[in-house]
Protein backbone atom coordinates (compact mmCIF):
# COMPACT_ATOMS: atom_id res chain seq x y z
CA MET A 1 3.38 17.57 24.11
CA MET A 2 1.39 15.20 21.89
CA ASN A 3 -0.10 11.72 21.84
CA ALA A 4 1.77 9.04 19.90
CA ALA A 5 1.67 5.25 19.45
CA ILE A 6 4.91 3.83 20.83
CA ARG A 7 6.69 0.52 21.33
CA ASP A 8 10.30 -0.01 22.35
CA ASN A 9 10.75 -3.49 20.87
CA TYR A 10 9.15 -5.54 18.11
CA CYS A 11 5.87 -6.70 19.53
CA THR A 12 2.21 -7.59 19.11
CA PRO A 13 -0.46 -4.85 18.96
CA ASP A 14 -1.43 -5.23 22.63
CA MET A 15 2.04 -3.94 23.60
CA LEU A 16 1.61 -0.77 21.55
CA ARG A 17 0.70 2.10 23.86
CA ILE A 18 -0.54 5.67 23.44
CA VAL A 19 1.65 8.01 25.50
CA ARG A 20 2.42 11.70 25.80
CA VAL A 21 5.74 12.61 24.20
CA SER A 22 7.54 15.80 23.28
CA LEU A 23 6.41 17.56 20.13
CA PRO A 24 8.93 17.06 17.30
CA TRP A 25 10.42 20.20 15.78
CA PRO A 26 11.33 20.49 12.12
CA GLY A 27 14.93 20.66 11.00
CA ASP A 28 16.11 23.04 8.29
CA ASP A 29 14.71 20.85 5.48
CA GLU A 30 11.65 19.56 7.32
CA ILE A 31 8.01 20.48 7.82
CA LEU A 32 5.98 19.90 10.94
CA VAL A 33 2.57 18.43 10.07
CA LYS A 34 -0.51 18.24 12.26
CA VAL A 35 -1.69 14.75 11.34
CA LYS A 36 -5.33 14.48 10.30
CA ALA A 37 -5.29 10.87 9.04
CA THR A 38 -2.93 7.94 8.70
CA THR A 39 -3.43 4.21 8.12
CA VAL A 40 -2.55 0.82 9.51
CA ASN A 41 -1.40 -1.32 6.60
CA ARG A 42 0.58 -4.49 5.90
CA THR A 43 3.84 -2.54 5.94
CA ASP A 44 2.96 -1.11 9.35
CA CYS A 45 2.35 -4.63 10.64
CA GLY A 46 5.83 -5.62 9.51
CA VAL A 47 7.34 -2.54 11.14
CA LEU A 48 5.47 -3.31 14.39
CA THR A 49 6.29 -7.01 14.62
CA GLY A 50 9.63 -7.15 12.80
CA LYS A 51 8.26 -9.94 10.59
CA PRO A 52 9.19 -11.14 8.07
CA TRP A 53 12.73 -10.95 9.43
CA ALA A 54 14.11 -9.37 6.25
CA ILE A 55 12.32 -6.11 7.10
CA ARG A 56 14.69 -5.63 10.05
CA LEU A 57 17.53 -4.92 7.65
CA PHE A 58 15.81 -1.60 6.95
CA ILE A 59 14.13 -0.67 10.25
CA GLY A 60 16.50 -2.02 12.92
CA LEU A 61 18.07 -5.44 13.34
CA PHE A 62 17.43 -6.04 17.04
CA LYS A 63 14.99 -3.25 17.91
CA PRO A 64 13.12 -0.63 15.90
CA MET A 65 15.03 2.56 15.14
CA ARG A 66 11.79 4.56 15.41
CA PRO A 67 9.76 3.99 18.60
CA VAL A 68 6.67 5.68 17.08
CA THR A 69 4.93 3.59 14.42
CA GLY A 70 3.36 4.78 11.18
CA THR A 71 4.42 4.95 7.52
CA ASP A 72 1.99 7.43 5.95
CA PHE A 73 0.05 10.58 6.79
CA SER A 74 -2.07 13.44 5.58
CA GLY A 75 -2.39 16.69 7.45
CA ILE A 76 -1.69 20.41 7.71
CA VAL A 77 1.70 22.14 7.78
CA VAL A 78 2.04 24.08 11.04
CA ALA A 79 5.77 24.91 10.98
CA LYS A 80 8.70 24.58 8.59
CA GLY A 81 12.49 24.72 8.51
CA LYS A 82 14.39 27.71 7.16
CA HIS A 83 15.39 25.95 3.92
CA VAL A 84 11.85 24.83 3.01
CA THR A 85 10.45 26.79 0.04
CA GLN A 86 7.98 24.36 -1.60
CA PHE A 87 5.51 24.35 1.31
CA GLU A 88 3.82 27.08 3.33
CA ILE A 89 2.11 27.13 6.72
CA CYS A 90 -1.48 25.79 6.42
CA ASP A 91 -0.73 23.76 3.26
CA HIS A 92 -2.57 20.44 3.16
CA VAL A 93 0.00 17.69 2.51
CA TYR A 94 0.40 13.93 2.48
CA GLY A 95 3.32 11.50 2.32
CA PHE A 96 4.68 7.98 2.64
CA PHE A 97 7.92 6.20 3.57
CA ASP A 98 7.77 2.44 3.98
CA GLU A 99 10.68 2.25 6.43
CA GLY A 100 8.74 4.40 8.89
CA LEU A 101 7.76 8.03 9.42
CA SER A 102 6.58 7.98 13.07
CA SER A 103 3.22 9.20 11.79
CA HIS A 104 0.94 7.38 14.25
CA ALA A 105 0.94 10.56 16.27
CA GLU A 106 -0.73 13.95 16.50
CA TYR A 107 2.26 15.62 14.80
CA VAL A 108 5.06 14.41 12.55
CA ALA A 109 8.24 16.10 11.34
CA VAL A 110 8.94 15.12 7.73
CA SER A 111 11.94 15.79 5.51
CA THR A 112 10.94 17.47 2.25
CA LYS A 113 13.47 15.17 0.57
CA LYS A 114 11.08 12.28 1.17
CA ALA A 115 7.85 11.56 -0.71
CA VAL A 116 5.59 14.37 0.44
CA LEU A 117 3.29 16.44 -1.77
CA LYS A 118 0.45 18.93 -1.47
CA LYS A 119 -2.83 17.05 -1.12
CA PRO A 120 -5.20 17.32 -4.08
CA GLU A 121 -8.17 19.47 -3.07
CA ASN A 122 -10.68 16.98 -4.48
CA VAL A 123 -9.83 14.23 -1.96
CA THR A 124 -10.30 14.11 1.80
CA PHE A 125 -7.51 13.69 4.32
CA GLU A 126 -8.67 10.10 4.84
CA GLN A 127 -8.63 9.33 1.11
CA ALA A 128 -5.19 10.90 0.70
CA ALA A 129 -3.65 8.77 3.45
CA ALA A 130 -5.42 5.66 2.15
CA SER A 131 -4.05 6.14 -1.38
CA LEU A 132 -0.39 5.68 -0.51
CA GLU A 133 0.79 2.26 0.69
CA GLY A 134 -1.38 0.13 -1.60
CA GLY A 135 -0.89 2.54 -4.48
CA HIS A 136 2.89 2.52 -3.98
CA TYR A 137 3.20 -1.25 -4.24
CA ALA A 138 0.65 -1.54 -7.07
CA PHE A 139 2.64 1.05 -9.05
CA TYR A 140 5.91 -0.83 -8.76
CA PHE A 141 4.46 -4.26 -9.45
CA LEU A 142 2.94 -2.95 -12.68
CA LYS A 143 5.61 -0.42 -13.64
CA ASN A 144 7.97 -2.66 -15.60
CA LEU A 145 5.31 -4.66 -17.43
CA LYS A 146 4.91 -3.93 -21.12
CA LEU A 147 1.23 -3.17 -20.82
CA ASN A 148 -0.77 -2.24 -23.90
CA ALA A 149 -4.39 -1.18 -24.31
CA GLY A 150 -6.47 -4.32 -24.67
CA ASP A 151 -4.10 -6.60 -22.77
CA ARG A 152 -5.84 -9.01 -20.44
CA VAL A 153 -4.83 -9.01 -16.77
CA LEU A 154 -6.22 -11.08 -13.90
CA VAL A 155 -5.87 -9.54 -10.43
CA ASN A 156 -6.38 -11.93 -7.54
CA GLY A 157 -7.58 -9.87 -4.57
CA GLY A 158 -9.48 -6.94 -6.02
CA THR A 159 -10.57 -5.66 -2.62
CA GLY A 160 -7.09 -5.52 -1.09
CA ALA A 161 -5.33 -2.15 -0.90
CA ILE A 162 -2.79 -3.22 -3.54
CA GLY A 163 -5.24 -5.14 -5.73
CA ASN A 164 -7.85 -2.41 -5.75
CA ALA A 165 -5.26 0.22 -6.63
CA ALA A 166 -3.94 -2.09 -9.38
CA LEU A 167 -7.44 -2.45 -10.84
CA GLN A 168 -7.83 1.32 -11.10
CA PHE A 169 -4.30 1.87 -12.43
CA LEU A 170 -4.85 -0.77 -15.12
CA LYS A 171 -8.16 0.74 -16.19
CA HIS A 172 -6.34 4.05 -16.62
CA LEU A 173 -4.23 2.23 -19.25
CA ASN A 174 -7.33 0.79 -20.97
CA VAL A 175 -6.35 -2.75 -20.00
CA ARG A 176 -9.03 -5.45 -19.77
CA VAL A 177 -9.13 -6.50 -16.13
CA THR A 178 -10.60 -9.58 -14.47
CA VAL A 179 -10.57 -9.52 -10.66
CA THR A 180 -11.48 -11.83 -7.81
CA CYS A 181 -13.37 -10.81 -4.68
CA GLU A 182 -16.06 -11.96 -2.28
CA THR A 183 -19.77 -11.73 -3.07
CA ALA A 184 -20.42 -8.44 -1.28
CA PHE A 185 -17.97 -6.49 -3.47
CA VAL A 186 -18.80 -7.80 -6.93
CA GLU A 187 -20.87 -4.79 -7.98
CA LEU A 188 -18.36 -2.30 -6.55
CA LEU A 189 -15.49 -3.73 -8.59
CA LYS A 190 -17.64 -3.73 -11.70
CA SER A 191 -18.32 -0.05 -11.11
CA GLN A 192 -14.57 0.53 -10.85
CA GLY A 193 -14.09 -0.85 -14.34
CA ALA A 194 -13.48 -4.57 -13.97
CA GLU A 195 -14.51 -6.38 -17.16
CA ARG A 196 -15.23 -9.54 -15.19
CA VAL A 197 -15.48 -10.20 -11.47
CA ILE A 198 -15.01 -13.73 -10.14
CA ASP A 199 -16.66 -14.38 -6.78
CA TYR A 200 -14.11 -16.59 -5.02
CA GLN A 201 -16.78 -17.71 -2.57
CA LYS A 202 -18.52 -19.45 -5.47
CA GLU A 203 -15.74 -20.21 -7.96
CA ASP A 204 -12.02 -21.07 -7.94
CA PHE A 205 -10.41 -18.59 -10.34
CA THR A 206 -7.57 -21.00 -11.19
CA THR A 207 -10.05 -23.37 -12.88
CA ILE A 208 -11.55 -20.91 -15.38
CA LYS A 209 -10.97 -21.64 -19.07
CA GLU A 210 -9.44 -18.31 -20.02
CA GLU A 211 -5.93 -17.05 -20.68
CA PHE A 212 -4.30 -13.79 -19.68
CA ASP A 213 -1.21 -11.80 -20.57
CA TYR A 214 -0.53 -11.24 -16.87
CA VAL A 215 -1.74 -12.72 -13.59
CA PHE A 216 -1.13 -10.52 -10.54
CA ASP A 217 -1.70 -12.24 -7.20
CA ALA A 218 -2.15 -9.07 -5.15
CA VAL A 219 -2.83 -10.96 -1.91
CA GLY A 220 -0.16 -13.64 -2.26
CA LYS A 221 -2.59 -16.49 -1.62
CA SER A 222 -2.03 -18.45 -4.82
CA SER A 223 1.12 -19.60 -6.64
CA PHE A 224 2.80 -19.66 -10.03
CA LYS A 225 2.09 -23.38 -10.32
CA ALA A 226 -1.65 -22.86 -9.77
CA CYS A 227 -1.85 -19.83 -12.07
CA LYS A 228 0.41 -21.07 -14.87
CA PRO A 229 -2.48 -22.63 -16.90
CA LEU A 230 -4.11 -19.17 -16.97
CA LEU A 231 -1.16 -17.56 -18.74
CA LYS A 232 -0.85 -17.10 -22.47
CA SER A 233 2.41 -17.98 -24.17
CA LYS A 234 4.98 -15.44 -22.89
CA GLY A 235 2.58 -14.58 -20.05
CA ILE A 236 3.88 -13.31 -16.72
CA TYR A 237 2.90 -14.13 -13.13
CA LEU A 238 3.49 -11.64 -10.30
CA SER A 239 2.79 -11.85 -6.58
CA SER A 240 2.78 -9.23 -3.85
CA GLU A 241 4.23 -11.77 -1.41
CA LEU A 242 7.41 -13.82 -1.23
CA GLY A 243 5.38 -17.04 -1.40
CA LYS A 244 4.76 -19.85 1.06
CA ASN A 245 8.39 -20.98 0.88
CA TRP A 246 9.84 -17.62 -0.26
CA GLN A 247 9.88 -19.08 -3.76
CA ASN A 248 8.73 -16.12 -5.83
CA PRO A 249 12.03 -14.15 -5.89
CA PHE A 250 13.89 -17.35 -6.80
CA LEU A 251 11.40 -18.22 -9.54
CA ALA A 252 11.90 -14.72 -10.94
CA LEU A 253 15.66 -15.32 -11.07
CA LEU A 254 15.13 -18.69 -12.77
CA SER A 255 12.59 -17.34 -15.28
CA PRO A 256 15.04 -17.19 -18.23
CA PHE A 257 15.30 -20.99 -17.98
CA MET A 258 11.60 -21.75 -17.32
CA GLY A 259 10.11 -21.78 -20.80
CA ASP A 260 7.68 -19.29 -22.24
CA LYS A 261 5.78 -18.43 -19.03
CA LYS A 262 7.66 -16.27 -16.56
CA VAL A 263 7.64 -15.00 -12.98
CA LYS A 264 8.53 -11.43 -12.09
CA PHE A 265 9.11 -10.11 -8.59
CA PRO A 266 9.71 -6.34 -8.87
CA LEU A 267 11.16 -4.55 -5.87
CA PRO A 268 9.68 -1.15 -4.98
CA TYR A 269 12.09 1.71 -4.43
CA SER A 270 11.63 5.49 -4.22
CA ALA A 271 8.12 6.45 -3.14
CA LYS A 272 8.63 9.76 -4.93
CA HIS A 273 8.02 8.07 -8.30
CA SER A 274 4.96 6.13 -7.18
CA MET A 275 3.51 9.10 -5.35
CA LYS A 276 3.77 11.31 -8.43
CA HIS A 277 1.68 8.76 -10.33
CA ILE A 278 -0.82 8.41 -7.48
CA ASN A 279 -1.13 12.18 -7.17
CA GLU A 280 -1.92 12.61 -10.88
CA LEU A 281 -4.66 9.97 -10.79
CA LEU A 282 -6.15 11.47 -7.62
CA LEU A 283 -6.19 14.92 -9.23
CA TYR A 284 -8.14 13.66 -12.24
CA GLY A 285 -10.50 11.48 -10.21
CA GLU A 286 -9.16 8.25 -11.76
CA PHE A 287 -8.17 6.69 -8.44
CA ILE A 288 -10.35 6.56 -5.33
CA PRO A 289 -8.83 4.33 -2.63
CA LEU A 290 -11.10 1.77 -1.04
CA ILE A 291 -11.59 2.41 2.70
CA ASP A 292 -12.81 -0.39 4.96
CA ARG A 293 -12.82 0.91 8.54
CA LYS A 294 -11.83 3.99 10.50
CA TYR A 295 -10.41 3.99 14.03
CA ARG A 296 -9.30 6.74 16.39
CA LEU A 297 -5.62 6.94 17.33
CA GLU A 298 -6.61 5.80 20.83
CA ASP A 299 -7.96 2.56 19.33
CA ILE A 300 -4.97 1.77 17.13
CA GLU A 301 -4.45 -1.62 18.83
CA LYS A 302 -7.82 -2.75 17.44
CA ALA A 303 -6.85 -1.49 13.99
CA TYR A 304 -3.62 -3.52 14.01
CA TYR A 305 -5.39 -6.69 15.10
CA TYR A 306 -7.98 -6.23 12.36
CA VAL A 307 -5.32 -5.79 9.68
CA LEU A 308 -3.34 -8.77 11.00
CA SER A 309 -6.51 -10.89 10.81
CA GLY A 310 -6.28 -10.75 7.00
CA GLN A 311 -9.92 -9.68 6.76
CA LYS A 312 -9.53 -6.03 5.81
CA LYS A 313 -10.84 -4.72 2.51
CA GLY A 314 -8.84 -1.89 1.05
CA ASN A 315 -7.51 0.42 3.74
CA VAL A 316 -7.89 0.88 7.47
CA VAL A 317 -7.71 4.58 8.37
CA ILE A 318 -6.68 6.15 11.67
CA THR A 319 -8.26 9.53 12.29
CA VAL A 320 -6.36 11.97 14.50
CA ASN A 321 -8.11 14.85 16.25
């Protein structure tokens, strides 16, 4: 038996409960992992609440297909199926699947066909788990941009999980990055390679007299209209959110008819591709995920409420004994 965070229907965090359930057992192509760390992230909040409604097309229309929450993990392989050759017992591994992995538990059975890799030795279990969700979305939002060394990119939300990963990924490409954040994190983002940091508590970034090749709203709190004056000719605006009126996907479709400043709204797909990129940067010390708070599995309700408050910085980690 093991402890796991369970809900039977889409709900608020106070209806999530920690209960004893049967230990999963790995199928022929699966590994059983003793979970050491996982996170509560924006994707998890969508999986818990079923909002926005579009997420239900992937996780269950009327009720969740997986009662146990959780989309990422890091931990230790304790058993494996008979067809598994790439992992051995006691391997340290980590993985991510944004439609749900049931990883808010003491153990998780994971198909080796999903995005799961051996954890780099130079990062902790907490750092490995924290690298995945934000890194996954940052990778896909930046992947199809024609980025060149010296390009200028503004990232709104440099302390979010996606925005902070984007900052570090862009610096890996020798791109000149301007980011926004609150006063307390200005020096941290400078140390991570930001060329300029705009303190949004003192200055509205949309009023600065500079132009950028790309503006990436990594927290979805601005708009193409507000950011358009910041774009160079042929500049591109991206947002991690649909927009207040779900306008961003539609603006992306209309971009060919919008003049010389465009909107892109890339859709993430296989986490295998993003995780390969994340893994390489972790190995070479070029990506260190920002961790805000840590909670025990028993306190996961508090973690969800904190993430839903919109106040988190980087990642919220759940440690599992």
